[in-house]
Protein backbone atom coordinates (compact mmCIF):
# COMPACT_ATOMS: atom_id res chain seq x y z
CA UNK A 1 0.00 0.00 0.00
CA UNK A 2 1.10 3.58 -0.61
CA UNK A 3 -0.19 7.13 -0.55
CA UNK A 4 0.48 9.00 -3.81
CA UNK A 5 0.20 12.78 -3.94
CA UNK A 6 0.70 15.32 -6.72
CA UNK A 7 1.87 18.11 -4.40
CA UNK A 8 4.89 18.09 -2.15
CA UNK A 9 4.13 18.21 1.59
CA UNK A 10 5.96 18.99 4.80
CA UNK A 11 7.11 16.34 7.28
CA UNK A 12 4.27 17.14 9.71
CA UNK A 13 1.50 17.46 7.11
CA UNK A 14 -1.68 15.43 7.64
CA UNK A 15 -0.90 13.12 4.73
CA UNK A 16 2.57 12.31 6.10
CA UNK A 17 1.21 11.67 9.59
CA UNK A 18 -1.42 9.32 8.17
CA UNK A 19 1.14 7.46 6.04
CA UNK A 20 3.46 7.09 9.04
CA UNK A 21 0.62 5.75 11.19
CA UNK A 22 -0.32 3.23 8.50
CA UNK A 23 3.32 2.21 8.01
CA UNK A 24 3.27 2.95 4.27
CA UNK A 25 5.22 5.38 2.06
CA UNK A 26 3.88 8.72 0.90
CA UNK A 27 5.14 9.13 -2.66
CA UNK A 28 5.16 12.58 -4.29
CA UNK A 29 4.68 12.27 -8.07
CA UNK A 30 4.10 15.61 -9.77
CA UNK A 31 1.88 14.18 -12.52
CA UNK A 32 0.65 11.07 -10.74
CA UNK A 33 -2.74 10.95 -12.49
CA UNK A 34 -1.15 11.03 -15.92
CA UNK A 35 1.67 8.63 -15.06
CA UNK A 36 -0.60 6.04 -13.46
CA UNK A 37 -3.61 6.25 -15.78
CA UNK A 38 -2.35 3.45 -18.00
CA UNK A 39 -2.37 1.13 -14.96
CA UNK A 40 -5.99 1.77 -13.98
CA UNK A 41 -7.65 -1.47 -12.85
CA UNK A 42 -4.33 -3.32 -12.57
CA UNK A 43 -2.42 -4.63 -9.56
CA UNK A 44 0.97 -2.95 -9.43
CA UNK A 45 3.95 -2.73 -7.09
CA UNK A 46 5.20 0.77 -6.31
CA UNK A 47 8.61 0.93 -4.66
CA UNK A 48 9.42 4.31 -3.13
CA UNK A 49 12.80 5.66 -2.04
CA UNK A 50 14.20 9.10 -1.32
CA UNK A 51 15.86 9.08 -4.72
CA UNK A 52 12.80 8.07 -6.76
CA UNK A 53 10.34 5.28 -7.42
CA UNK A 54 9.88 2.13 -9.48
CA UNK A 55 6.56 0.81 -10.78
CA UNK A 56 5.78 -2.61 -12.26
CA UNK A 57 2.71 -4.74 -12.88
CA UNK A 58 2.27 -7.73 -10.55
CA UNK A 59 1.95 -11.29 -11.80
CA UNK A 60 -1.07 -13.43 -10.90
CA UNK A 61 0.92 -15.49 -8.31
CA UNK A 62 2.16 -12.27 -6.68
CA UNK A 63 -1.40 -10.94 -6.46
CA UNK A 64 -2.62 -14.17 -4.87
CA UNK A 65 0.26 -14.11 -2.37
CA UNK A 66 -0.49 -10.50 -1.38
CA UNK A 67 -4.19 -11.24 -0.90
CA UNK A 68 -3.28 -14.22 1.26
CA UNK A 69 -1.11 -12.04 3.50
CA UNK A 70 -3.96 -9.54 3.85
CA UNK A 71 -6.32 -12.28 5.06
CA UNK A 72 -3.76 -13.44 7.63
CA UNK A 73 -3.46 -9.96 9.13
CA UNK A 74 -7.15 -8.97 8.96
CA UNK A 75 -7.81 -10.40 12.45
CA UNK A 76 -5.14 -8.30 14.17
CA UNK A 77 -6.39 -6.08 16.97
CA UNK A 78 -6.47 -2.33 16.53
CA UNK A 79 -6.29 0.37 19.17
CA UNK A 80 -9.90 1.05 20.25
CA UNK A 81 -11.26 4.56 20.75
CA UNK A 82 -10.72 6.01 24.22
CA UNK A 83 -13.63 5.14 26.52
CA UNK A 84 -15.28 8.51 27.21
CA UNK A 85 -16.16 9.84 30.65
CA UNK A 86 -19.61 11.31 30.12
CA UNK A 87 -20.07 12.42 33.72
CA UNK A 88 -17.77 15.42 33.30
CA UNK A 89 -19.69 18.43 32.02
CA UNK A 90 -17.35 21.31 32.93
CA UNK A 91 -15.53 23.41 30.34
CA UNK A 92 -11.85 22.75 30.98
CA UNK A 93 -9.32 25.57 30.45
CA UNK A 94 -6.04 24.69 28.74
CA UNK A 95 -4.06 25.43 31.91
CA UNK A 96 -5.90 22.60 33.75
CA UNK A 97 -5.65 19.92 31.04
CA UNK A 98 -3.38 16.91 31.54
CA UNK A 99 -3.00 13.62 29.61
CA UNK A 100 -5.52 11.95 31.94
CA UNK A 101 -8.20 14.29 30.62
CA UNK A 102 -8.24 12.45 27.29
CA UNK A 103 -11.23 10.56 28.73
CA UNK A 104 -13.19 13.81 28.98
CA UNK A 105 -11.75 16.02 26.24
CA UNK A 106 -9.82 13.81 23.82
CA UNK A 107 -6.08 13.30 23.43
CA UNK A 108 -5.52 16.40 21.28
CA UNK A 109 -6.77 18.85 23.91
CA UNK A 110 -5.18 16.88 26.75
CA UNK A 111 -1.81 16.76 25.00
CA UNK A 112 -1.89 20.51 24.34
CA UNK A 113 -2.31 21.02 28.08
CA UNK A 114 0.65 18.74 28.74
CA UNK A 115 2.71 20.62 26.15
CA UNK A 116 1.97 23.94 27.81
CA UNK A 117 2.82 22.54 31.25
CA UNK A 118 6.17 21.23 29.96
CA UNK A 119 7.28 24.80 29.28
CA UNK A 120 9.58 23.86 26.41
CA UNK A 121 11.78 26.87 25.57
CA UNK A 122 10.77 28.58 22.34
CA UNK A 123 7.29 27.07 22.27
CA UNK A 124 3.93 28.76 22.83
CA UNK A 125 0.52 27.12 23.03
CA UNK A 126 -2.35 29.59 22.39
CA UNK A 127 -4.89 29.57 25.21
CA UNK A 128 -8.21 27.79 24.89
CA UNK A 129 -10.79 25.60 26.56
CA UNK A 130 -12.30 22.18 26.01
CA UNK A 131 -15.98 21.35 25.47
CA UNK A 132 -16.10 17.77 26.81
CA UNK A 133 -17.58 14.63 25.26
CA UNK A 134 -20.64 14.88 27.51
CA UNK A 135 -21.91 17.98 25.64
CA UNK A 136 -21.72 16.08 22.32
CA UNK A 137 -23.41 13.04 23.84
CA UNK A 138 -26.26 15.07 25.34
CA UNK A 139 -26.88 16.95 22.07
CA UNK A 140 -26.89 13.78 19.96
CA UNK A 141 -29.17 11.89 22.34
CA UNK A 142 -31.59 14.83 22.39
CA UNK A 143 -31.86 14.61 18.60
CA UNK A 144 -31.96 10.79 18.49
CA UNK A 145 -28.77 10.33 16.52
CA UNK A 146 -28.67 6.58 17.21
CA UNK A 147 -32.01 6.08 15.45
CA UNK A 148 -30.89 8.19 12.49
CA UNK A 149 -27.63 6.25 12.22
CA UNK A 150 -29.48 2.95 12.24
CA UNK A 151 -31.82 4.10 9.46
CA UNK A 152 -28.93 5.49 7.43
CA UNK A 153 -27.01 2.23 7.57
CA UNK A 154 -30.09 0.33 6.37
CA UNK A 155 -30.32 2.40 3.18
CA UNK A 156 -30.11 0.19 0.05
CA UNK A 157 -26.51 0.14 -1.12
CA UNK A 158 -25.10 2.00 1.91
CA UNK A 159 -22.70 -0.79 2.84
CA UNK A 160 -21.60 -1.58 -0.70
CA UNK A 161 -21.65 1.68 -2.66
CA UNK A 162 -19.20 4.45 -1.59
CA UNK A 163 -21.21 7.07 -3.50
CA UNK A 164 -24.38 6.27 -1.55
CA UNK A 165 -22.44 6.38 1.75
CA UNK A 166 -20.87 9.72 0.85
CA UNK A 167 -24.23 11.29 -0.01
CA UNK A 168 -25.96 9.92 3.09
CA UNK A 169 -23.19 11.13 5.40
CA UNK A 170 -23.32 14.60 3.81
CA UNK A 171 -27.08 14.78 4.45
CA UNK A 172 -26.58 13.76 8.08
CA UNK A 173 -23.89 16.41 8.63
CA UNK A 174 -26.18 19.06 7.17
CA UNK A 175 -28.97 18.01 9.53
CA UNK A 176 -26.73 18.05 12.61
CA UNK A 177 -25.59 21.62 11.99
CA UNK A 178 -29.24 22.71 11.76
CA UNK A 179 -30.39 20.97 14.95
CA UNK A 180 -31.09 23.50 17.75
CA UNK A 181 -28.83 23.77 20.78
CA UNK A 182 -30.32 24.49 24.20
CA UNK A 183 -29.79 28.11 25.26
CA UNK A 184 -28.08 27.42 28.64
CA UNK A 185 -25.35 25.39 26.92
CA UNK A 186 -24.83 28.02 24.21
CA UNK A 187 -24.66 30.74 26.89
CA UNK A 188 -22.09 28.72 28.86
CA UNK A 189 -19.81 28.43 25.80
CA UNK A 190 -20.10 32.10 24.98
CA UNK A 191 -19.51 33.10 28.61
CA UNK A 192 -16.29 31.09 28.79
CA UNK A 193 -15.14 32.46 25.42
CA UNK A 194 -15.66 36.02 26.63
CA UNK A 195 -14.25 35.55 30.14
CA UNK A 196 -11.19 33.44 29.30
CA UNK A 197 -10.32 34.53 25.75
CA UNK A 198 -11.73 38.04 25.75
CA UNK A 199 -14.10 37.28 22.89
CA UNK A 200 -11.15 37.30 20.47
CA UNK A 201 -11.14 35.24 17.27
CA UNK A 202 -10.79 31.50 17.80
CA UNK A 203 -10.23 28.27 15.93
CA UNK A 204 -12.75 25.55 16.82
CA UNK A 205 -10.92 22.23 16.62
CA UNK A 206 -11.77 18.54 16.85
CA UNK A 207 -10.55 16.52 19.83
CA UNK A 208 -12.32 13.19 19.48
CA UNK A 209 -11.73 9.88 21.21
CA UNK A 210 -10.74 8.37 17.83
CA UNK A 211 -7.69 10.48 16.92
CA UNK A 212 -4.19 11.02 18.29
CA UNK A 213 -4.14 7.35 19.34
CA UNK A 214 -1.18 4.96 19.12
CA UNK A 215 -1.38 3.54 15.60
CA UNK A 216 -4.33 5.76 14.56
CA UNK A 217 -3.56 9.47 14.35
CA UNK A 218 -6.78 10.41 12.56
CA UNK A 219 -4.84 13.32 11.06
CA UNK A 220 -6.98 15.47 8.78
CA UNK A 221 -10.13 13.35 9.16
CA UNK A 222 -12.16 15.86 11.16
CA UNK A 223 -13.02 19.51 10.66
CA UNK A 224 -11.43 22.67 12.08
CA UNK A 225 -13.42 25.90 11.76
CA UNK A 226 -11.06 28.92 11.62
CA UNK A 227 -11.54 32.60 12.41
CA UNK A 228 -14.70 32.35 14.52
CA UNK A 229 -15.55 35.91 15.63
CA UNK A 230 -19.09 35.91 17.08
CA UNK A 231 -21.11 33.96 19.60
CA UNK A 232 -23.53 32.75 16.95
CA UNK A 233 -20.63 31.60 14.79
CA UNK A 234 -19.11 29.78 17.78
CA UNK A 235 -22.28 27.73 18.26
CA UNK A 236 -22.43 26.81 14.57
CA UNK A 237 -18.71 26.00 14.50
CA UNK A 238 -18.99 23.58 17.41
CA UNK A 239 -21.90 21.79 15.73
CA UNK A 240 -19.88 21.68 12.50
CA UNK A 241 -16.98 20.00 14.32
CA UNK A 242 -19.41 17.60 15.99
CA UNK A 243 -20.92 16.77 12.58
CA UNK A 244 -17.44 16.03 11.20
CA UNK A 245 -17.59 12.70 13.05
CA UNK A 246 -19.52 11.78 9.92
CA UNK A 247 -17.05 13.13 7.36
CA UNK A 248 -16.81 10.55 4.60
CA UNK A 249 -13.05 10.12 5.01
CA UNK A 250 -13.41 9.70 8.79
CA UNK A 251 -16.16 7.11 8.40
CA UNK A 252 -14.12 5.10 5.89
CA UNK A 253 -10.91 5.25 7.97
CA UNK A 254 -12.70 4.16 11.15
CA UNK A 255 -14.46 1.36 9.29
CA UNK A 256 -11.12 0.10 8.02
CA UNK A 257 -9.82 0.19 11.61
CA UNK A 258 -13.00 -1.61 12.75
CA UNK A 259 -14.14 1.12 15.13
CA UNK A 260 -17.87 0.70 15.97
CA UNK A 261 -19.91 3.55 14.49
CA UNK A 262 -21.50 4.36 17.85
CA UNK A 263 -18.22 4.35 19.82
CA UNK A 264 -17.00 7.74 18.58
CA UNK A 265 -17.39 10.87 20.71
CA UNK A 266 -16.29 14.36 19.72
CA UNK A 267 -14.74 16.79 22.16
CA UNK A 268 -14.03 20.29 20.94
CA UNK A 269 -11.07 22.55 21.69
CA UNK A 270 -11.76 26.26 21.30
CA UNK A 271 -8.35 27.90 20.84
CA UNK A 272 -7.27 31.52 20.42
CA UNK A 273 -6.34 32.36 16.83
CA UNK A 274 -2.93 33.76 15.90
CA UNK A 275 -2.51 36.64 13.45
């Protein structure tokens, strides 16, 4: 397996983090679509090195051998999502977050707190606060997400046709963003944003229990909403990040890792923007 991109990327780009987590090369080929078009529908071997690449068509025995190896490794265990603590409802400021808070806020937010605490010279972590998993869980239960998920997965062709899955997931995301949020919760978010961050512009970031895990980074699978400047926009941005649990790429990656669809919880980290 390999990732092939047509644009060069930095070492810490999402695509490189994903490739590293999957243990496969990320090959940069400037005109990949043109170069590989003649091999469409064929099994090929792509060898990648710092100095270049080599491509050749596989023989039938080689294809059979590869498929046999895949079957032998398909039973291997994967790292499960972090079990969420849904009893914690407080909004956690960055200064209070530690790695143990991954059960309430996700590993991304918890690790940012640990990074700030470490006080590494030359580093700066913009301030922010975490909206814990419990807020996501309460919102989704209020709007009967489990029932909607069950109906969606029973759609004809959902399990076999990627196009049908992609369209159904897009409809669900659109619905989630439109669902109303109770006013006390919205007021709590806006109050913390004003009191802690002075109402300045923020980035609203994902911090789920199915990313930043050993062997499953989840890099780039979920949505970040940048440059949020108003209370109304903050509410919509949080719902947009919540809805990104059902991004097509995230759904496919979790399915490949055999994560149960109902095991994913989304925490949100609201972080001060940098000019």
